[in-house]
Amino acid sequence: MAHQDQTTERPLSLSRRAFTLDAALALLAGCVIIVSDACGSSSSPAAPSAPSADVTGTVSANHGHTAVITGAQITAAQTITLSIQGTSAHSHTLSITQAELNTLKNRQAVAKDSSTDNNHLHSITFTPA
């Protein structure tokens, strides 16, 4: 009679913790986890916009006037009145509305006429970069 080697394997013993962990991992291996917005919104959050930069206006028939709208004024979007005297001997004023500030915020040009002082006025064009 020939001798046959019979290998007997002992079953491995798993602890309850190891069994639970292996079972959980096996279940999760077949799952797809979806994370959704709690409010049900499907749109992605808006990227923060860069702060507005100061915009210097181009003054027609200029003789020393300067017109600058600051980035803070554009961001605040509250109606403002600018004095555009600059180095000129006289002043003019210019009123910029909330809507016009929003237009500048959207990087679109705004053209306005100044007040009439010293028997003339100036057209000012603000063109954001």
N, C-alpha and C. Protein backbone atom coordinates (compact mmCIF):
# COMPACT_ATOMS: atom_id res chain seq x y z
N MET A 1 0.82 -1.14 0.00
CA MET A 1 0.00 0.00 0.00
C MET A 1 0.89 1.22 0.00
N ALA A 2 0.59 2.14 -0.89
CA ALA A 2 1.38 3.34 -1.02
C ALA A 2 0.94 4.33 0.02
N HIS A 3 1.91 5.05 0.46
CA HIS A 3 1.63 6.04 1.49
C HIS A 3 1.25 7.37 0.84
N GLN A 4 0.15 7.88 1.14
CA GLN A 4 -0.30 9.14 0.60
C GLN A 4 -0.18 10.21 1.68
N ASP A 5 0.41 11.32 1.26
CA ASP A 5 0.48 12.43 2.20
C ASP A 5 -0.86 13.15 2.18
N GLN A 6 -1.47 13.20 3.25
CA GLN A 6 -2.71 13.94 3.35
C GLN A 6 -2.45 15.14 4.24
N THR A 7 -2.67 16.28 3.64
CA THR A 7 -2.47 17.50 4.39
C THR A 7 -3.82 17.92 4.93
N THR A 8 -3.85 18.11 6.17
CA THR A 8 -5.07 18.55 6.78
C THR A 8 -4.89 20.00 7.18
N GLU A 9 -5.77 20.84 6.67
CA GLU A 9 -5.70 22.25 7.03
C GLU A 9 -6.68 22.52 8.14
N ARG A 10 -6.18 23.23 9.10
CA ARG A 10 -7.07 23.64 10.18
C ARG A 10 -7.77 24.92 9.78
N PRO A 11 -9.05 25.03 10.00
CA PRO A 11 -9.73 26.28 9.69
C PRO A 11 -9.18 27.39 10.57
N LEU A 12 -9.04 28.56 9.94
CA LEU A 12 -8.56 29.71 10.68
C LEU A 12 -9.66 30.23 11.58
N SER A 13 -9.28 30.67 12.71
CA SER A 13 -10.25 31.20 13.65
C SER A 13 -10.20 32.73 13.57
N LEU A 14 -11.36 33.36 13.33
CA LEU A 14 -11.45 34.81 13.27
C LEU A 14 -12.08 35.32 14.55
N SER A 15 -11.56 36.45 14.99
CA SER A 15 -12.20 37.09 16.14
C SER A 15 -13.49 37.74 15.66
N ARG A 16 -14.36 38.03 16.57
CA ARG A 16 -15.62 38.69 16.21
C ARG A 16 -15.34 40.03 15.55
N ARG A 17 -14.36 40.76 16.05
CA ARG A 17 -14.02 42.08 15.50
C ARG A 17 -13.51 41.94 14.06
N ALA A 18 -12.60 40.99 13.82
CA ALA A 18 -12.05 40.78 12.48
C ALA A 18 -13.15 40.35 11.51
N PHE A 19 -14.05 39.48 11.97
CA PHE A 19 -15.16 39.04 11.12
C PHE A 19 -16.07 40.21 10.75
N THR A 20 -16.40 41.03 11.73
CA THR A 20 -17.27 42.18 11.49
C THR A 20 -16.63 43.15 10.51
N LEU A 21 -15.34 43.41 10.68
CA LEU A 21 -14.62 44.32 9.79
C LEU A 21 -14.59 43.77 8.37
N ASP A 22 -14.27 42.47 8.21
CA ASP A 22 -14.24 41.86 6.88
C ASP A 22 -15.62 41.87 6.23
N ALA A 23 -16.66 41.65 7.00
CA ALA A 23 -18.01 41.66 6.47
C ALA A 23 -18.41 43.06 6.01
N ALA A 24 -18.08 44.06 6.81
CA ALA A 24 -18.40 45.44 6.44
C ALA A 24 -17.66 45.86 5.19
N LEU A 25 -16.39 45.52 5.09
CA LEU A 25 -15.62 45.85 3.89
C LEU A 25 -16.17 45.15 2.66
N ALA A 26 -16.62 43.92 2.81
CA ALA A 26 -17.20 43.19 1.68
C ALA A 26 -18.49 43.85 1.21
N LEU A 27 -19.30 44.32 2.16
CA LEU A 27 -20.54 45.00 1.78
C LEU A 27 -20.26 46.33 1.09
N LEU A 28 -19.32 47.09 1.63
CA LEU A 28 -18.99 48.39 1.06
C LEU A 28 -18.32 48.29 -0.30
N ALA A 29 -17.68 47.18 -0.57
CA ALA A 29 -17.00 47.02 -1.85
C ALA A 29 -17.98 47.10 -3.02
N GLY A 30 -19.22 46.73 -2.79
CA GLY A 30 -20.21 46.78 -3.86
C GLY A 30 -21.11 47.99 -3.82
N CYS A 31 -20.85 48.92 -2.93
CA CYS A 31 -21.72 50.09 -2.78
C CYS A 31 -21.13 51.31 -3.46
N VAL A 32 -22.03 52.17 -3.92
CA VAL A 32 -21.64 53.48 -4.44
C VAL A 32 -22.22 54.50 -3.47
N ILE A 33 -21.36 55.34 -2.97
CA ILE A 33 -21.80 56.34 -2.01
C ILE A 33 -21.96 57.67 -2.74
N ILE A 34 -23.13 58.29 -2.61
CA ILE A 34 -23.42 59.56 -3.26
C ILE A 34 -23.62 60.60 -2.17
N VAL A 35 -22.89 61.69 -2.28
CA VAL A 35 -23.04 62.80 -1.35
C VAL A 35 -23.78 63.90 -2.10
N SER A 36 -24.87 64.36 -1.53
CA SER A 36 -25.65 65.41 -2.20
C SER A 36 -25.79 66.61 -1.28
N ASP A 37 -26.17 67.70 -1.88
CA ASP A 37 -26.40 68.94 -1.15
C ASP A 37 -27.64 68.79 -0.30
N ALA A 38 -27.56 69.15 0.96
CA ALA A 38 -28.68 69.00 1.87
C ALA A 38 -29.88 69.85 1.46
N CYS A 39 -29.64 70.94 0.76
CA CYS A 39 -30.74 71.82 0.36
C CYS A 39 -31.38 71.37 -0.95
N GLY A 40 -30.81 70.39 -1.60
CA GLY A 40 -31.37 69.92 -2.84
C GLY A 40 -30.96 70.74 -4.05
N SER A 41 -30.03 71.65 -3.88
CA SER A 41 -29.58 72.49 -4.99
C SER A 41 -28.64 71.70 -5.87
N SER A 42 -28.83 71.80 -7.16
CA SER A 42 -27.96 71.07 -8.08
C SER A 42 -26.86 71.96 -8.64
N SER A 43 -26.87 73.23 -8.29
CA SER A 43 -25.85 74.12 -8.82
C SER A 43 -24.64 74.13 -7.89
N SER A 44 -23.49 74.32 -8.48
CA SER A 44 -22.28 74.37 -7.67
C SER A 44 -22.16 75.76 -7.06
N PRO A 45 -21.46 75.86 -5.92
CA PRO A 45 -21.35 77.17 -5.28
C PRO A 45 -20.58 78.14 -6.18
N ALA A 46 -20.97 79.39 -6.12
CA ALA A 46 -20.32 80.40 -6.95
C ALA A 46 -18.91 80.65 -6.46
N ALA A 47 -18.03 80.78 -7.39
CA ALA A 47 -16.65 81.09 -7.03
C ALA A 47 -16.59 82.53 -6.55
N PRO A 48 -15.81 82.75 -5.53
CA PRO A 48 -15.72 84.13 -5.06
C PRO A 48 -15.14 85.02 -6.14
N SER A 49 -15.76 86.15 -6.30
CA SER A 49 -15.27 87.06 -7.32
C SER A 49 -14.11 87.88 -6.77
N ALA A 50 -13.24 88.24 -7.68
CA ALA A 50 -12.10 89.05 -7.29
C ALA A 50 -12.59 90.45 -6.94
N PRO A 51 -11.94 91.08 -5.96
CA PRO A 51 -12.35 92.44 -5.64
C PRO A 51 -12.16 93.35 -6.85
N SER A 52 -13.07 94.29 -7.00
CA SER A 52 -12.99 95.21 -8.12
C SER A 52 -11.78 96.13 -7.96
N ALA A 53 -11.15 96.42 -9.07
CA ALA A 53 -10.02 97.34 -9.07
C ALA A 53 -10.52 98.76 -9.30
N ASP A 54 -9.72 99.73 -8.93
CA ASP A 54 -10.06 101.13 -9.22
C ASP A 54 -10.14 101.31 -10.73
N VAL A 55 -11.07 102.18 -11.17
CA VAL A 55 -11.23 102.45 -12.60
C VAL A 55 -11.07 103.96 -12.80
N THR A 56 -10.09 104.32 -13.62
CA THR A 56 -9.84 105.73 -13.94
C THR A 56 -10.56 106.07 -15.23
N GLY A 57 -11.33 107.15 -15.18
CA GLY A 57 -12.09 107.57 -16.35
C GLY A 57 -11.24 108.39 -17.31
N THR A 58 -11.59 108.31 -18.58
CA THR A 58 -10.98 109.15 -19.61
C THR A 58 -11.87 110.38 -19.77
N VAL A 59 -11.29 111.56 -19.55
CA VAL A 59 -12.04 112.82 -19.56
C VAL A 59 -11.85 113.51 -20.90
N SER A 60 -12.98 113.82 -21.58
CA SER A 60 -12.90 114.51 -22.86
C SER A 60 -12.49 115.97 -22.65
N ALA A 61 -11.84 116.56 -23.64
CA ALA A 61 -11.41 117.97 -23.58
C ALA A 61 -10.78 118.28 -22.22
N ASN A 62 -9.91 117.40 -21.81
CA ASN A 62 -9.37 117.49 -20.45
C ASN A 62 -8.33 118.60 -20.30
N HIS A 63 -8.40 119.26 -19.17
CA HIS A 63 -7.40 120.27 -18.83
C HIS A 63 -7.09 120.15 -17.34
N GLY A 64 -6.74 118.92 -16.94
CA GLY A 64 -6.32 118.67 -15.56
C GLY A 64 -7.30 117.92 -14.69
N HIS A 65 -8.47 117.56 -15.20
CA HIS A 65 -9.45 116.84 -14.40
C HIS A 65 -9.06 115.37 -14.26
N THR A 66 -9.43 114.79 -13.10
CA THR A 66 -9.18 113.38 -12.84
C THR A 66 -10.44 112.74 -12.29
N ALA A 67 -10.84 111.62 -12.86
CA ALA A 67 -12.04 110.90 -12.39
C ALA A 67 -11.66 109.46 -12.08
N VAL A 68 -11.77 109.09 -10.81
CA VAL A 68 -11.43 107.73 -10.38
C VAL A 68 -12.55 107.18 -9.52
N ILE A 69 -13.01 105.99 -9.84
CA ILE A 69 -13.96 105.26 -9.00
C ILE A 69 -13.17 104.13 -8.36
N THR A 70 -13.16 104.07 -7.04
CA THR A 70 -12.38 103.05 -6.34
C THR A 70 -13.06 101.68 -6.41
N GLY A 71 -12.26 100.66 -6.24
CA GLY A 71 -12.79 99.30 -6.20
C GLY A 71 -13.80 99.13 -5.09
N ALA A 72 -13.56 99.78 -3.95
CA ALA A 72 -14.50 99.69 -2.82
C ALA A 72 -15.83 100.32 -3.18
N GLN A 73 -15.82 101.44 -3.90
CA GLN A 73 -17.07 102.08 -4.32
C GLN A 73 -17.83 101.19 -5.30
N ILE A 74 -17.11 100.53 -6.19
CA ILE A 74 -17.75 99.63 -7.16
C ILE A 74 -18.37 98.44 -6.43
N THR A 75 -17.65 97.87 -5.49
CA THR A 75 -18.15 96.72 -4.74
C THR A 75 -19.35 97.08 -3.89
N ALA A 76 -19.32 98.26 -3.26
CA ALA A 76 -20.44 98.69 -2.40
C ALA A 76 -21.70 98.96 -3.20
N ALA A 77 -21.56 99.37 -4.45
CA ALA A 77 -22.68 99.62 -5.36
C ALA A 77 -23.73 100.57 -4.77
N GLN A 78 -23.26 101.63 -4.13
CA GLN A 78 -24.14 102.69 -3.63
C GLN A 78 -23.91 103.92 -4.48
N THR A 79 -24.96 104.63 -4.85
CA THR A 79 -24.83 105.83 -5.68
C THR A 79 -23.78 106.75 -5.08
N ILE A 80 -22.89 107.27 -5.94
CA ILE A 80 -21.82 108.15 -5.48
C ILE A 80 -21.78 109.43 -6.32
N THR A 81 -21.19 110.46 -5.76
CA THR A 81 -20.93 111.70 -6.49
C THR A 81 -19.43 111.95 -6.42
N LEU A 82 -18.82 112.07 -7.58
CA LEU A 82 -17.37 112.30 -7.66
C LEU A 82 -17.09 113.76 -7.96
N SER A 83 -16.03 114.27 -7.36
CA SER A 83 -15.48 115.56 -7.76
C SER A 83 -14.31 115.23 -8.66
N ILE A 84 -14.28 115.82 -9.85
CA ILE A 84 -13.23 115.48 -10.81
C ILE A 84 -12.26 116.65 -11.02
N GLN A 85 -12.06 117.45 -9.99
CA GLN A 85 -11.22 118.65 -10.14
C GLN A 85 -9.80 118.31 -10.57
N GLY A 86 -9.16 117.36 -9.91
CA GLY A 86 -7.77 117.05 -10.26
C GLY A 86 -6.89 118.26 -10.07
N THR A 87 -6.08 118.59 -11.09
CA THR A 87 -5.19 119.77 -11.03
C THR A 87 -5.80 120.99 -11.71
N SER A 88 -7.04 120.89 -12.14
CA SER A 88 -7.72 122.00 -12.80
C SER A 88 -8.04 123.11 -11.79
N ALA A 89 -8.22 124.33 -12.27
CA ALA A 89 -8.55 125.47 -11.40
C ALA A 89 -10.01 125.44 -10.95
N HIS A 90 -10.83 124.58 -11.55
CA HIS A 90 -12.24 124.51 -11.17
C HIS A 90 -12.66 123.04 -11.09
N SER A 91 -13.82 122.83 -10.48
CA SER A 91 -14.30 121.47 -10.28
C SER A 91 -15.54 121.18 -11.11
N HIS A 92 -15.78 119.92 -11.36
CA HIS A 92 -17.01 119.40 -11.91
C HIS A 92 -17.40 118.23 -11.02
N THR A 93 -18.68 117.90 -11.01
CA THR A 93 -19.12 116.70 -10.29
C THR A 93 -19.72 115.72 -11.28
N LEU A 94 -19.78 114.51 -10.82
CA LEU A 94 -20.27 113.42 -11.66
C LEU A 94 -21.00 112.45 -10.75
N SER A 95 -22.25 112.16 -11.07
CA SER A 95 -23.04 111.22 -10.27
C SER A 95 -23.04 109.85 -10.96
N ILE A 96 -22.73 108.83 -10.18
CA ILE A 96 -22.69 107.45 -10.69
C ILE A 96 -23.74 106.64 -9.91
N THR A 97 -24.66 106.03 -10.62
CA THR A 97 -25.75 105.29 -9.98
C THR A 97 -25.33 103.87 -9.59
N GLN A 98 -26.19 103.22 -8.79
CA GLN A 98 -25.96 101.82 -8.42
C GLN A 98 -25.88 100.94 -9.66
N ALA A 99 -26.78 101.17 -10.60
CA ALA A 99 -26.80 100.35 -11.82
C ALA A 99 -25.50 100.52 -12.61
N GLU A 100 -24.99 101.75 -12.67
CA GLU A 100 -23.74 101.99 -13.39
C GLU A 100 -22.56 101.35 -12.67
N LEU A 101 -22.58 101.35 -11.33
CA LEU A 101 -21.51 100.68 -10.58
C LEU A 101 -21.58 99.17 -10.81
N ASN A 102 -22.77 98.61 -10.89
CA ASN A 102 -22.90 97.18 -11.21
C ASN A 102 -22.40 96.89 -12.62
N THR A 103 -22.63 97.81 -13.55
CA THR A 103 -22.11 97.64 -14.90
C THR A 103 -20.58 97.60 -14.88
N LEU A 104 -19.96 98.49 -14.10
CA LEU A 104 -18.50 98.48 -13.96
C LEU A 104 -18.03 97.19 -13.30
N LYS A 105 -18.79 96.72 -12.31
CA LYS A 105 -18.44 95.47 -11.61
C LYS A 105 -18.43 94.30 -12.59
N ASN A 106 -19.32 94.38 -13.58
CA ASN A 106 -19.38 93.34 -14.62
C ASN A 106 -18.39 93.60 -15.75
N ARG A 107 -17.49 94.52 -15.51
CA ARG A 107 -16.40 94.86 -16.44
C ARG A 107 -16.91 95.39 -17.79
N GLN A 108 -17.93 96.23 -17.72
CA GLN A 108 -18.45 96.89 -18.92
C GLN A 108 -18.26 98.39 -18.75
N ALA A 109 -18.07 99.07 -19.85
CA ALA A 109 -17.80 100.51 -19.84
C ALA A 109 -19.05 101.32 -19.48
N VAL A 110 -18.79 102.48 -18.85
CA VAL A 110 -19.85 103.44 -18.51
C VAL A 110 -19.38 104.81 -18.97
N ALA A 111 -20.25 105.54 -19.68
CA ALA A 111 -19.94 106.91 -20.13
C ALA A 111 -20.97 107.86 -19.52
N LYS A 112 -20.48 108.98 -18.97
CA LYS A 112 -21.33 109.98 -18.30
C LYS A 112 -20.83 111.37 -18.63
N ASP A 113 -21.73 112.34 -18.53
CA ASP A 113 -21.34 113.75 -18.64
C ASP A 113 -21.25 114.34 -17.25
N SER A 114 -20.27 115.20 -17.06
CA SER A 114 -20.10 115.88 -15.77
C SER A 114 -21.10 117.02 -15.65
N SER A 115 -21.09 117.65 -14.50
CA SER A 115 -21.89 118.86 -14.31
C SER A 115 -21.31 119.97 -15.20
N THR A 116 -22.15 120.94 -15.51
CA THR A 116 -21.69 122.09 -16.29
C THR A 116 -21.21 123.16 -15.32
N ASP A 117 -19.92 123.40 -15.32
CA ASP A 117 -19.30 124.42 -14.47
C ASP A 117 -18.33 125.20 -15.34
N ASN A 118 -18.20 126.47 -15.08
CA ASN A 118 -17.27 127.30 -15.84
C ASN A 118 -17.64 127.29 -17.33
N ASN A 119 -18.95 127.22 -17.58
CA ASN A 119 -19.52 127.25 -18.93
C ASN A 119 -19.14 126.07 -19.83
N HIS A 120 -18.83 124.94 -19.24
CA HIS A 120 -18.57 123.75 -20.06
C HIS A 120 -18.77 122.49 -19.21
N LEU A 121 -18.81 121.37 -19.89
CA LEU A 121 -18.86 120.07 -19.22
C LEU A 121 -17.88 119.13 -19.89
N HIS A 122 -17.70 117.96 -19.29
CA HIS A 122 -16.79 116.95 -19.84
C HIS A 122 -17.53 115.62 -19.91
N SER A 123 -17.24 114.84 -20.94
CA SER A 123 -17.74 113.47 -21.01
C SER A 123 -16.65 112.56 -20.45
N ILE A 124 -17.03 111.70 -19.54
CA ILE A 124 -16.06 110.79 -18.91
C ILE A 124 -16.47 109.37 -19.22
N THR A 125 -15.51 108.57 -19.67
CA THR A 125 -15.76 107.15 -19.96
C THR A 125 -14.89 106.31 -19.03
N PHE A 126 -15.55 105.45 -18.27
CA PHE A 126 -14.87 104.50 -17.38
C PHE A 126 -14.86 103.15 -18.07
N THR A 127 -13.68 102.62 -18.31
CA THR A 127 -13.55 101.32 -18.96
C THR A 127 -12.73 100.40 -18.06
N PRO A 128 -13.39 99.43 -17.38
CA PRO A 128 -12.67 98.50 -16.50
C PRO A 128 -11.72 97.62 -17.31
N ALA A 129 -10.63 97.25 -16.67
CA ALA A 129 -9.63 96.39 -17.32
C ALA A 129 -10.11 94.96 -17.35
